[in-house]
Amino acid sequence: MAKRNAQKKGGVMAKEWWKSRSNEQTIEDLVAMGVLHNKALAGWRAPEGESFPDPQPGEIVVFEDFFKRGFGVPVHPFLQGLCLYYEIGICNLHPNSILLVSTFIHLCEAYGGFQPHFDLFRHLFCLRKKGSRGSKIAGGVYLNLRDGMKAQYLHCPWNTSLDEWYKKWFYIHEEPNMITLCDVGLIPEKKNSWSEKPEHLEQIAELLGLIPWGKLDGPSVVGNFISRRIQPCQKRVHPGFEYQGSADPTRTRKEALDKIEIKARIGELFNLADPNYVRLNDIEHAFKLARPPPKVNDASLYL
């Protein structure tokens, strides 16, 4: 029986995963970009000819394109909480869903002046299962704005042309005792939680009112966390509104990126031909330690 179950699992894995194209050099390229720490510090490992992932204890499976979109280890508690709530694993998410969460976290912290808020996220977004084509495991689900929410959120025309991102997976160590879900054999099944809406709409309205929507769009928010050299989906010692500048401990690198490189990275993530962006001179400045957000009396807004 055990042998038959193992064979069945192996068949499912072989069907839902592809042999990884990630290797030492492609992962080192992420290190050179400053979106991933070196091998000794981060504990990453390139696959060695495996047809599907087989992580060792303490490892999770990640995709190269996650790190270009603000992912990091140890994983931010907010992203961990979303995975637990939706009953999915990290590897079930599409890279643009990672970018969506990174954008939301940085929007809340650096432009709203509050910690990423679970009910606000559920008010704006839902989880959906992708179509029948492709893997049911790797990127088998995706986060999306709810119907009718487009006018309430940032303009975010993601670049959807990701070239075989699901073939670029590798292993990385997660912190001990972390609750990051990463079951490489999990095929997510739709749950009520994927579409349930929060109940406390008064609090959500107050949170929405703290964000200067007319002076922001997706590229401006993402461009800010790229220029700050932080990974919003990584657990950090303090939130974005306490950012300290070039010496900030949440930066992945101390060296500044030039404007040409920042624009190139934004261009990889967004369709920059879209005409509906906020003008550069009109973009809102992000909060930081030297420019703190206004004080909010209601402590529950930070939950």
C-alpha atoms as a PDB file:
ATOM      1  CA  MET A   1       0.000   0.000   0.000  1.00  0.00           C
ATOM      2  CA  ALA A   2       2.769   2.438   0.969  1.00  0.00           C
ATOM      3  CA  LYS A   3       4.617   1.666  -2.273  1.00  0.00           C
ATOM      4  CA  ARG A   4       1.445   2.210  -4.319  1.00  0.00           C
ATOM      5  CA  ASN A   5       0.780   5.554  -2.590  1.00  0.00           C
ATOM      6  CA  ALA A   6       4.353   6.663  -3.208  1.00  0.00           C
ATOM      7  CA  GLN A   7       4.024   5.740  -6.890  1.00  0.00           C
ATOM      8  CA  LYS A   8       0.739   7.636  -7.122  1.00  0.00           C
ATOM      9  CA  LYS A   9       2.274  10.726  -5.504  1.00  0.00           C
ATOM     10  CA  GLY A  10       5.276  10.476  -7.805  1.00  0.00           C
ATOM     11  CA  GLY A  11       2.946  10.366 -10.805  1.00  0.00           C
ATOM     12  CA  VAL A  12       1.069  13.457  -9.646  1.00  0.00           C
ATOM     13  CA  MET A  13       4.315  15.333  -8.975  1.00  0.00           C
ATOM     14  CA  ALA A  14       5.755  14.419 -12.366  1.00  0.00           C
ATOM     15  CA  LYS A  15       2.572  15.691 -14.025  1.00  0.00           C
ATOM     16  CA  GLU A  16       2.298  18.952 -12.072  1.00  0.00           C
ATOM     17  CA  TRP A  17       5.973  19.988 -11.939  1.00  0.00           C
ATOM     18  CA  TRP A  18       8.711  20.554 -14.486  1.00  0.00           C
ATOM     19  CA  LYS A  19      12.403  19.854 -14.185  1.00  0.00           C
ATOM     20  CA  SER A  20      13.944  23.028 -12.821  1.00  0.00           C
ATOM     21  CA  ARG A  21      16.064  25.314 -14.956  1.00  0.00           C
ATOM     22  CA  SER A  22      17.394  27.077 -11.874  1.00  0.00           C
ATOM     23  CA  ASN A  23      21.070  26.562 -11.214  1.00  0.00           C
ATOM     24  CA  GLU A  24      23.845  28.165  -9.175  1.00  0.00           C
ATOM     25  CA  GLN A  25      24.368  30.900 -11.780  1.00  0.00           C
ATOM     26  CA  THR A  26      20.713  31.923 -12.192  1.00  0.00           C
ATOM     27  CA  ILE A  27      20.292  32.090  -8.419  1.00  0.00           C
ATOM     28  CA  GLU A  28      23.535  34.051  -8.079  1.00  0.00           C
ATOM     29  CA  ASP A  29      22.026  36.512 -10.574  1.00  0.00           C
ATOM     30  CA  LEU A  30      19.298  37.224  -7.993  1.00  0.00           C
ATOM     31  CA  VAL A  31      22.021  37.767  -5.404  1.00  0.00           C
ATOM     32  CA  ALA A  32      23.736  40.218  -7.767  1.00  0.00           C
ATOM     33  CA  MET A  33      20.430  42.073  -8.185  1.00  0.00           C
ATOM     34  CA  GLY A  34      20.255  42.478  -4.419  1.00  0.00           C
ATOM     35  CA  VAL A  35      16.896  40.716  -4.042  1.00  0.00           C
ATOM     36  CA  LEU A  36      18.356  37.584  -2.420  1.00  0.00           C
ATOM     37  CA  HIS A  37      21.116  37.127   0.130  1.00  0.00           C
ATOM     38  CA  ASN A  38      24.152  34.998  -0.630  1.00  0.00           C
ATOM     39  CA  LYS A  39      24.091  31.232  -0.272  1.00  0.00           C
ATOM     40  CA  ALA A  40      25.801  31.159   3.119  1.00  0.00           C
ATOM     41  CA  LEU A  41      23.381  33.677   4.640  1.00  0.00           C
ATOM     42  CA  ALA A  42      20.117  32.682   2.958  1.00  0.00           C
ATOM     43  CA  GLY A  43      20.697  28.927   2.817  1.00  0.00           C
ATOM     44  CA  TRP A  44      19.454  28.443  -0.741  1.00  0.00           C
ATOM     45  CA  ARG A  45      20.174  25.334  -2.794  1.00  0.00           C
ATOM     46  CA  ALA A  46      19.935  24.730  -6.531  1.00  0.00           C
ATOM     47  CA  PRO A  47      18.121  21.570  -7.663  1.00  0.00           C
ATOM     48  CA  GLU A  48      20.374  18.831  -8.972  1.00  0.00           C
ATOM     49  CA  GLY A  49      18.518  17.174 -11.802  1.00  0.00           C
ATOM     50  CA  GLU A  50      15.264  16.535  -9.932  1.00  0.00           C
ATOM     51  CA  SER A  51      12.187  16.235 -12.122  1.00  0.00           C
ATOM     52  CA  PHE A  52      10.084  17.613  -9.265  1.00  0.00           C
ATOM     53  CA  PRO A  53      10.935  19.197  -5.903  1.00  0.00           C
ATOM     54  CA  ASP A  54      11.844  17.129  -2.871  1.00  0.00           C
ATOM     55  CA  PRO A  55      12.728  19.651  -0.145  1.00  0.00           C
ATOM     56  CA  GLN A  56      14.772  18.682   2.878  1.00  0.00           C
ATOM     57  CA  PRO A  57      13.475  19.417   6.411  1.00  0.00           C
ATOM     58  CA  GLY A  58      13.533  23.165   7.015  1.00  0.00           C
ATOM     59  CA  GLU A  59      13.431  24.038   3.308  1.00  0.00           C
ATOM     60  CA  ILE A  60      10.678  25.560   1.215  1.00  0.00           C
ATOM     61  CA  VAL A  61      10.379  25.631  -2.580  1.00  0.00           C
ATOM     62  CA  VAL A  62      10.408  29.067  -4.207  1.00  0.00           C
ATOM     63  CA  PHE A  63      10.565  30.524  -7.709  1.00  0.00           C
ATOM     64  CA  GLU A  64      13.149  32.951  -9.052  1.00  0.00           C
ATOM     65  CA  ASP A  65      10.474  35.422 -10.155  1.00  0.00           C
ATOM     66  CA  PHE A  66       9.139  35.659  -6.596  1.00  0.00           C
ATOM     67  CA  PHE A  67      12.255  37.540  -5.492  1.00  0.00           C
ATOM     68  CA  LYS A  68      11.993  40.062  -8.322  1.00  0.00           C
ATOM     69  CA  ARG A  69       8.532  40.830  -6.946  1.00  0.00           C
ATOM     70  CA  GLY A  70       9.353  41.541  -3.315  1.00  0.00           C
ATOM     71  CA  PHE A  71       9.485  38.059  -1.774  1.00  0.00           C
ATOM     72  CA  GLY A  72      12.000  37.166   0.912  1.00  0.00           C
ATOM     73  CA  VAL A  73      12.832  34.715   3.674  1.00  0.00           C
ATOM     74  CA  PRO A  74      11.917  34.654   6.491  1.00  0.00           C
ATOM     75  CA  VAL A  75       8.451  35.172   5.055  1.00  0.00           C
ATOM     76  CA  HIS A  76       6.423  38.153   6.264  1.00  0.00           C
ATOM     77  CA  PRO A  77       3.761  37.145   8.825  1.00  0.00           C
ATOM     78  CA  PHE A  78       1.070  38.802   6.698  1.00  0.00           C
ATOM     79  CA  LEU A  79       1.796  36.539   3.724  1.00  0.00           C
ATOM     80  CA  GLN A  80       2.036  33.550   6.045  1.00  0.00           C
ATOM     81  CA  GLY A  81      -1.355  34.456   7.472  1.00  0.00           C
ATOM     82  CA  LEU A  82      -2.928  34.695   4.025  1.00  0.00           C
ATOM     83  CA  CYS A  83      -1.661  31.234   3.118  1.00  0.00           C
ATOM     84  CA  LEU A  84      -3.025  29.795   6.356  1.00  0.00           C
ATOM     85  CA  TYR A  85      -6.384  31.510   5.889  1.00  0.00           C
ATOM     86  CA  TYR A  86      -6.778  30.371   2.279  1.00  0.00           C
ATOM     87  CA  GLU A  87      -5.266  26.926   3.040  1.00  0.00           C
ATOM     88  CA  ILE A  88      -2.672  27.126   0.292  1.00  0.00           C
ATOM     89  CA  GLY A  89       1.123  26.961   0.128  1.00  0.00           C
ATOM     90  CA  ILE A  90       3.636  29.536  -1.071  1.00  0.00           C
ATOM     91  CA  CYS A  91       4.354  27.537  -4.224  1.00  0.00           C
ATOM     92  CA  ASN A  92       0.644  27.559  -5.142  1.00  0.00           C
ATOM     93  CA  LEU A  93       0.827  31.299  -5.843  1.00  0.00           C
ATOM     94  CA  HIS A  94       1.630  32.947  -9.171  1.00  0.00           C
ATOM     95  CA  PRO A  95       4.537  35.459  -9.127  1.00  0.00           C
ATOM     96  CA  ASN A  96       2.137  38.337  -9.818  1.00  0.00           C
ATOM     97  CA  SER A  97       0.194  37.346  -6.703  1.00  0.00           C
ATOM     98  CA  ILE A  98       3.438  37.782  -4.765  1.00  0.00           C
ATOM     99  CA  LEU A  99       3.810  41.200  -6.394  1.00  0.00           C
ATOM    100  CA  LEU A 100       0.214  42.033  -5.472  1.00  0.00           C
ATOM    101  CA  VAL A 101       0.874  41.208  -1.801  1.00  0.00           C
ATOM    102  CA  SER A 102       4.196  43.108  -1.828  1.00  0.00           C
ATOM    103  CA  THR A 103       2.450  46.145  -3.288  1.00  0.00           C
ATOM    104  CA  PHE A 104      -0.338  45.975  -0.709  1.00  0.00           C
ATOM    105  CA  ILE A 105       2.074  45.639   2.231  1.00  0.00           C
ATOM    106  CA  HIS A 106       4.186  48.589   1.071  1.00  0.00           C
ATOM    107  CA  LEU A 107       1.104  50.661   0.251  1.00  0.00           C
ATOM    108  CA  CYS A 108      -0.232  50.204   3.787  1.00  0.00           C
ATOM    109  CA  GLU A 109       3.102  50.829   5.515  1.00  0.00           C
ATOM    110  CA  ALA A 110       4.718  53.562   3.420  1.00  0.00           C
ATOM    111  CA  TYR A 111       1.651  55.473   2.191  1.00  0.00           C
ATOM    112  CA  GLY A 112      -1.103  54.661   4.681  1.00  0.00           C
ATOM    113  CA  GLY A 113       1.103  54.699   7.765  1.00  0.00           C
ATOM    114  CA  PHE A 114      -0.303  51.460   9.197  1.00  0.00           C
ATOM    115  CA  GLN A 115       0.577  47.775   9.246  1.00  0.00           C
ATOM    116  CA  PRO A 116      -0.928  45.645   6.434  1.00  0.00           C
ATOM    117  CA  HIS A 117      -4.502  44.995   7.438  1.00  0.00           C
ATOM    118  CA  PHE A 118      -6.119  41.595   6.919  1.00  0.00           C
ATOM    119  CA  ASP A 119      -9.730  42.757   6.579  1.00  0.00           C
ATOM    120  CA  LEU A 120      -8.761  45.557   4.188  1.00  0.00           C
ATOM    121  CA  PHE A 121      -7.018  42.975   2.016  1.00  0.00           C
ATOM    122  CA  ARG A 122     -10.075  40.708   2.056  1.00  0.00           C
ATOM    123  CA  HIS A 123     -12.281  43.675   1.209  1.00  0.00           C
ATOM    124  CA  LEU A 124     -10.235  44.384  -1.921  1.00  0.00           C
ATOM    125  CA  PHE A 125      -9.112  40.938  -3.065  1.00  0.00           C
ATOM    126  CA  CYS A 126     -10.212  37.347  -3.411  1.00  0.00           C
ATOM    127  CA  LEU A 127      -8.453  34.109  -4.326  1.00  0.00           C
ATOM    128  CA  ARG A 128      -9.279  32.258  -7.515  1.00  0.00           C
ATOM    129  CA  LYS A 129      -8.310  29.001  -9.146  1.00  0.00           C
ATOM    130  CA  LYS A 130      -6.667  29.361 -12.504  1.00  0.00           C
ATOM    131  CA  GLY A 131      -7.910  27.602 -15.618  1.00  0.00           C
ATOM    132  CA  SER A 132      -7.337  23.994 -16.538  1.00  0.00           C
ATOM    133  CA  ARG A 133      -4.129  24.637 -18.497  1.00  0.00           C
ATOM    134  CA  GLY A 134      -0.781  24.195 -16.767  1.00  0.00           C
ATOM    135  CA  SER A 135       0.056  22.970 -13.292  1.00  0.00           C
ATOM    136  CA  LYS A 136      -2.599  22.686 -10.595  1.00  0.00           C
ATOM    137  CA  ILE A 137       0.155  23.071  -7.963  1.00  0.00           C
ATOM    138  CA  ALA A 138       2.729  25.610  -9.196  1.00  0.00           C
ATOM    139  CA  GLY A 139       0.743  28.838  -9.503  1.00  0.00           C
ATOM    140  CA  GLY A 140      -2.507  26.900  -9.310  1.00  0.00           C
ATOM    141  CA  VAL A 141      -4.279  29.849  -7.673  1.00  0.00           C
ATOM    142  CA  TYR A 142      -4.022  33.599  -7.982  1.00  0.00           C
ATOM    143  CA  LEU A 143      -5.113  36.703  -6.078  1.00  0.00           C
ATOM    144  CA  ASN A 144      -7.290  39.190  -7.883  1.00  0.00           C
ATOM    145  CA  LEU A 145      -9.244  42.377  -7.256  1.00  0.00           C
ATOM    146  CA  ARG A 146     -12.861  41.693  -6.483  1.00  0.00           C
ATOM    147  CA  ASP A 147     -15.410  42.665  -9.096  1.00  0.00           C
ATOM    148  CA  GLY A 148     -16.251  46.341  -8.734  1.00  0.00           C
ATOM    149  CA  MET A 149     -13.072  47.199  -6.780  1.00  0.00           C
ATOM    150  CA  LYS A 150     -11.002  48.532  -9.661  1.00  0.00           C
ATOM    151  CA  ALA A 151     -11.977  52.130  -8.924  1.00  0.00           C
ATOM    152  CA  GLN A 152     -11.078  51.740  -5.231  1.00  0.00           C
ATOM    153  CA  TYR A 153      -7.519  50.510  -5.741  1.00  0.00           C
ATOM    154  CA  LEU A 154      -4.265  51.361  -7.474  1.00  0.00           C
ATOM    155  CA  HIS A 155      -3.949  51.163 -11.223  1.00  0.00           C
ATOM    156  CA  CYS A 156      -1.739  48.057 -11.599  1.00  0.00           C
ATOM    157  CA  PRO A 157      -1.340  46.783 -15.181  1.00  0.00           C
ATOM    158  CA  TRP A 158       0.934  43.839 -14.365  1.00  0.00           C
ATOM    159  CA  ASN A 159       3.183  42.364 -17.016  1.00  0.00           C
ATOM    160  CA  THR A 160       1.540  38.992 -17.632  1.00  0.00           C
ATOM    161  CA  SER A 161       4.199  37.709 -20.055  1.00  0.00           C
ATOM    162  CA  LEU A 162       6.272  35.586 -17.691  1.00  0.00           C
ATOM    163  CA  ASP A 163       8.401  33.137 -19.637  1.00  0.00           C
ATOM    164  CA  GLU A 164       8.082  29.682 -18.070  1.00  0.00           C
ATOM    165  CA  TRP A 165       8.508  31.022 -14.544  1.00  0.00           C
ATOM    166  CA  TYR A 166       7.260  27.696 -13.129  1.00  0.00           C
ATOM    167  CA  LYS A 167      10.402  25.953 -14.416  1.00  0.00           C
ATOM    168  CA  LYS A 168      12.686  28.154 -12.313  1.00  0.00           C
ATOM    169  CA  TRP A 169      12.307  26.731  -8.821  1.00  0.00           C
ATOM    170  CA  PHE A 170      14.856  26.117  -6.112  1.00  0.00           C
ATOM    171  CA  TYR A 171      15.159  25.449  -2.380  1.00  0.00           C
ATOM    172  CA  ILE A 172      15.726  27.899   0.450  1.00  0.00           C
ATOM    173  CA  HIS A 173      15.853  27.529   4.225  1.00  0.00           C
ATOM    174  CA  GLU A 174      13.059  29.064   6.282  1.00  0.00           C
ATOM    175  CA  GLU A 175      13.612  30.176   9.872  1.00  0.00           C
ATOM    176  CA  PRO A 176      13.037  27.454  12.489  1.00  0.00           C
ATOM    177  CA  ASN A 177       9.519  27.403  13.974  1.00  0.00           C
ATOM    178  CA  MET A 178       8.086  29.503  11.130  1.00  0.00           C
ATOM    179  CA  ILE A 179       4.631  28.539   9.885  1.00  0.00           C
ATOM    180  CA  THR A 180       5.272  29.038   6.163  1.00  0.00           C
ATOM    181  CA  LEU A 181       3.163  26.526   4.254  1.00  0.00           C
ATOM    182  CA  CYS A 182       4.892  24.822   1.346  1.00  0.00           C
ATOM    183  CA  ASP A 183       3.413  21.447   0.481  1.00  0.00           C
ATOM    184  CA  VAL A 184       4.831  20.753  -2.988  1.00  0.00           C
ATOM    185  CA  GLY A 185       2.136  18.111  -3.558  1.00  0.00           C
ATOM    186  CA  LEU A 186      -0.849  20.256  -2.555  1.00  0.00           C
ATOM    187  CA  ILE A 187      -3.501  20.861  -5.201  1.00  0.00           C
ATOM    188  CA  PRO A 188      -5.652  23.641  -3.676  1.00  0.00           C
ATOM    189  CA  GLU A 189      -9.389  23.087  -3.496  1.00  0.00           C
ATOM    190  CA  LYS A 190     -11.741  26.032  -3.430  1.00  0.00           C
ATOM    191  CA  LYS A 191     -12.812  27.111   0.067  1.00  0.00           C
ATOM    192  CA  ASN A 192     -15.432  29.565   1.297  1.00  0.00           C
ATOM    193  CA  SER A 193     -12.586  31.684   2.653  1.00  0.00           C
ATOM    194  CA  TRP A 194     -11.410  32.434  -0.887  1.00  0.00           C
ATOM    195  CA  SER A 195     -14.353  34.757  -1.495  1.00  0.00           C
ATOM    196  CA  GLU A 196     -15.669  35.660   1.992  1.00  0.00           C
ATOM    197  CA  LYS A 197     -15.874  39.376   2.719  1.00  0.00           C
ATOM    198  CA  PRO A 198     -15.062  41.067   6.032  1.00  0.00           C
ATOM    199  CA  GLU A 199     -17.826  42.391   8.259  1.00  0.00           C
ATOM    200  CA  HIS A 200     -16.387  45.592   9.794  1.00  0.00           C
ATOM    201  CA  LEU A 201     -16.850  47.986   6.899  1.00  0.00           C
ATOM    202  CA  GLU A 202     -16.604  51.136   9.042  1.00  0.00           C
ATOM    203  CA  GLN A 203     -13.002  50.348   9.932  1.00  0.00           C
ATOM    204  CA  ILE A 204     -12.197  49.543   6.313  1.00  0.00           C
ATOM    205  CA  ALA A 205     -13.619  52.886   5.178  1.00  0.00           C
ATOM    206  CA  GLU A 206     -11.359  54.661   7.667  1.00  0.00           C
ATOM    207  CA  LEU A 207      -8.316  52.779   6.433  1.00  0.00           C
ATOM    208  CA  LEU A 208      -9.136  53.529   2.814  1.00  0.00           C
ATOM    209  CA  GLY A 209      -9.352  57.203   3.736  1.00  0.00           C
ATOM    210  CA  LEU A 210      -5.753  57.214   5.002  1.00  0.00           C
ATOM    211  CA  ILE A 211      -4.278  56.411   1.585  1.00  0.00           C
ATOM    212  CA  PRO A 212      -3.807  59.179  -1.067  1.00  0.00           C
ATOM    213  CA  TRP A 213      -5.201  57.119  -3.946  1.00  0.00           C
ATOM    214  CA  GLY A 214      -5.172  59.896  -6.536  1.00  0.00           C
ATOM    215  CA  LYS A 215      -1.420  60.391  -6.150  1.00  0.00           C
ATOM    216  CA  LEU A 216      -0.371  56.753  -6.464  1.00  0.00           C
ATOM    217  CA  ASP A 217      -0.351  53.833  -8.860  1.00  0.00           C
ATOM    218  CA  GLY A 218       1.205  50.393  -8.914  1.00  0.00           C
ATOM    219  CA  PRO A 219       4.534  51.373 -10.502  1.00  0.00           C
ATOM    220  CA  SER A 220       5.055  54.277  -8.084  1.00  0.00           C
ATOM    221  CA  VAL A 221       4.522  52.078  -5.010  1.00  0.00           C
ATOM    222  CA  VAL A 222       6.645  49.246  -6.380  1.00  0.00           C
ATOM    223  CA  GLY A 223       9.296  51.685  -7.580  1.00  0.00           C
ATOM    224  CA  ASN A 224       9.562  53.033  -4.051  1.00  0.00           C
ATOM    225  CA  PHE A 225      10.241  49.671  -2.426  1.00  0.00           C
ATOM    226  CA  ILE A 226      12.692  48.830  -5.220  1.00  0.00           C
ATOM    227  CA  SER A 227      14.561  52.104  -4.649  1.00  0.00           C
ATOM    228  CA  ARG A 228      14.574  51.459  -0.888  1.00  0.00           C
ATOM    229  CA  ARG A 229      15.954  47.987  -1.639  1.00  0.00           C
ATOM    230  CA  ILE A 230      13.495  46.200   0.621  1.00  0.00           C
ATOM    231  CA  GLN A 231      11.454  43.058   0.034  1.00  0.00           C
ATOM    232  CA  PRO A 232       7.959  43.766   1.442  1.00  0.00           C
ATOM    233  CA  CYS A 233       7.019  40.069   1.642  1.00  0.00           C
ATOM    234  CA  GLN A 234      10.020  39.426   3.874  1.00  0.00           C
ATOM    235  CA  LYS A 235       9.783  39.595   7.657  1.00  0.00           C
ATOM    236  CA  ARG A 236      11.521  42.830   8.712  1.00  0.00           C
ATOM    237  CA  VAL A 237      12.537  44.456  11.993  1.00  0.00           C
ATOM    238  CA  HIS A 238      10.242  47.444  11.402  1.00  0.00           C
ATOM    239  CA  PRO A 239       7.553  48.575   8.923  1.00  0.00           C
ATOM    240  CA  GLY A 240       8.036  50.885   5.962  1.00  0.00           C
ATOM    241  CA  PHE A 241       6.912  54.020   7.777  1.00  0.00           C
ATOM    242  CA  GLU A 242       9.968  53.661  10.032  1.00  0.00           C
ATOM    243  CA  TYR A 243      12.418  53.404   7.133  1.00  0.00           C
ATOM    244  CA  GLN A 244      15.711  55.066   8.053  1.00  0.00           C
ATOM    245  CA  GLY A 245      17.410  55.681   4.716  1.00  0.00           C
ATOM    246  CA  SER A 246      20.556  54.118   3.257  1.00  0.00           C
ATOM    247  CA  ALA A 247      21.632  52.677   6.629  1.00  0.00           C
ATOM    248  CA  ASP A 248      18.264  51.009   7.268  1.00  0.00           C
ATOM    249  CA  PRO A 249      18.644  47.396   8.485  1.00  0.00           C
ATOM    250  CA  THR A 250      15.724  46.210   6.319  1.00  0.00           C
ATOM    251  CA  ARG A 251      17.608  46.963   3.105  1.00  0.00           C
ATOM    252  CA  THR A 252      19.011  43.988   1.225  1.00  0.00           C
ATOM    253  CA  ARG A 253      21.941  46.168   0.060  1.00  0.00           C
ATOM    254  CA  LYS A 254      23.375  49.479   1.245  1.00  0.00           C
ATOM    255  CA  GLU A 255      24.335  50.561  -2.281  1.00  0.00           C
ATOM    256  CA  ALA A 256      21.780  52.787  -4.026  1.00  0.00           C
ATOM    257  CA  LEU A 257      20.221  51.843  -7.360  1.00  0.00           C
ATOM    258  CA  ASP A 258      20.375  54.436 -10.118  1.00  0.00           C
ATOM    259  CA  LYS A 259      17.179  55.676 -11.750  1.00  0.00           C
ATOM    260  CA  ILE A 260      17.840  53.799 -14.988  1.00  0.00           C
ATOM    261  CA  GLU A 261      18.042  50.463 -13.154  1.00  0.00           C
ATOM    262  CA  ILE A 262      14.935  51.214 -11.088  1.00  0.00           C
ATOM    263  CA  LYS A 263      12.971  52.042 -14.238  1.00  0.00           C
ATOM    264  CA  ALA A 264      14.222  48.866 -15.933  1.00  0.00           C
ATOM    265  CA  ARG A 265      13.052  46.746 -13.008  1.00  0.00           C
ATOM    266  CA  ILE A 266       9.661  48.461 -12.967  1.00  0.00           C
ATOM    267  CA  GLY A 267       9.424  47.858 -16.707  1.00  0.00           C
ATOM    268  CA  GLU A 268       9.897  44.134 -16.175  1.00  0.00           C
ATOM    269  CA  LEU A 269       6.934  44.036 -13.783  1.00  0.00           C
ATOM    270  CA  PHE A 270       4.436  46.389 -15.445  1.00  0.00           C
ATOM    271  CA  ASN A 271       3.092  47.255 -18.862  1.00  0.00           C
ATOM    272  CA  LEU A 272       4.608  50.741 -19.122  1.00  0.00           C
ATOM    273  CA  ALA A 273       2.811  51.407 -22.410  1.00  0.00           C
ATOM    274  CA  ASP A 274      -0.389  51.871 -20.407  1.00  0.00           C
ATOM    275  CA  PRO A 275      -1.494  55.539 -20.614  1.00  0.00           C
ATOM    276  CA  ASN A 276      -3.211  55.804 -17.216  1.00  0.00           C
ATOM    277  CA  TYR A 277      -0.269  56.320 -14.870  1.00  0.00           C
ATOM    278  CA  VAL A 278       0.035  59.115 -12.324  1.00  0.00           C
ATOM    279  CA  ARG A 279       2.394  61.854 -13.517  1.00  0.00           C
ATOM    280  CA  LEU A 280       5.815  61.637 -11.924  1.00  0.00           C
ATOM    281  CA  ASN A 281       5.586  65.115 -10.379  1.00  0.00           C
ATOM    282  CA  ASP A 282       2.234  64.285  -8.761  1.00  0.00           C
ATOM    283  CA  ILE A 283       3.291  61.099  -6.940  1.00  0.00           C
ATOM    284  CA  GLU A 284       2.895  61.128  -3.158  1.00  0.00           C
ATOM    285  CA  HIS A 285       6.045  60.935  -1.025  1.00  0.00           C
ATOM    286  CA  ALA A 286       6.359  57.813   1.109  1.00  0.00           C
ATOM    287  CA  PHE A 287       6.456  57.901   4.900  1.00  0.00           C
ATOM    288  CA  LYS A 288       9.707  57.157   6.709  1.00  0.00           C
ATOM    289  CA  LEU A 289      11.235  57.774  10.110  1.00  0.00           C
ATOM    290  CA  ALA A 290      12.124  61.361   9.186  1.00  0.00           C
ATOM    291  CA  ARG A 291       8.651  61.892   7.675  1.00  0.00           C
ATOM    292  CA  PRO A 292       6.297  59.964   9.963  1.00  0.00           C
ATOM    293  CA  PRO A 293       2.611  59.409   9.240  1.00  0.00           C
ATOM    294  CA  PRO A 294      -0.030  61.302  11.211  1.00  0.00           C
ATOM    295  CA  LYS A 295      -0.903  59.633  14.488  1.00  0.00           C
ATOM    296  CA  VAL A 296      -3.971  57.422  14.422  1.00  0.00           C
ATOM    297  CA  ASN A 297      -5.804  57.159  17.707  1.00  0.00           C
ATOM    298  CA  ASP A 298      -7.618  53.909  16.974  1.00  0.00           C
ATOM    299  CA  ALA A 299      -5.081  51.146  17.746  1.00  0.00           C
ATOM    300  CA  SER A 300      -7.261  48.558  15.995  1.00  0.00           C
ATOM    301  CA  LEU A 301      -6.313  50.088  12.654  1.00  0.00           C
ATOM    302  CA  TYR A 302      -2.892  48.545  13.057  1.00  0.00           C
ATOM    303  CA  LEU A 303      -4.132  44.975  13.365  1.00  0.00           C
END
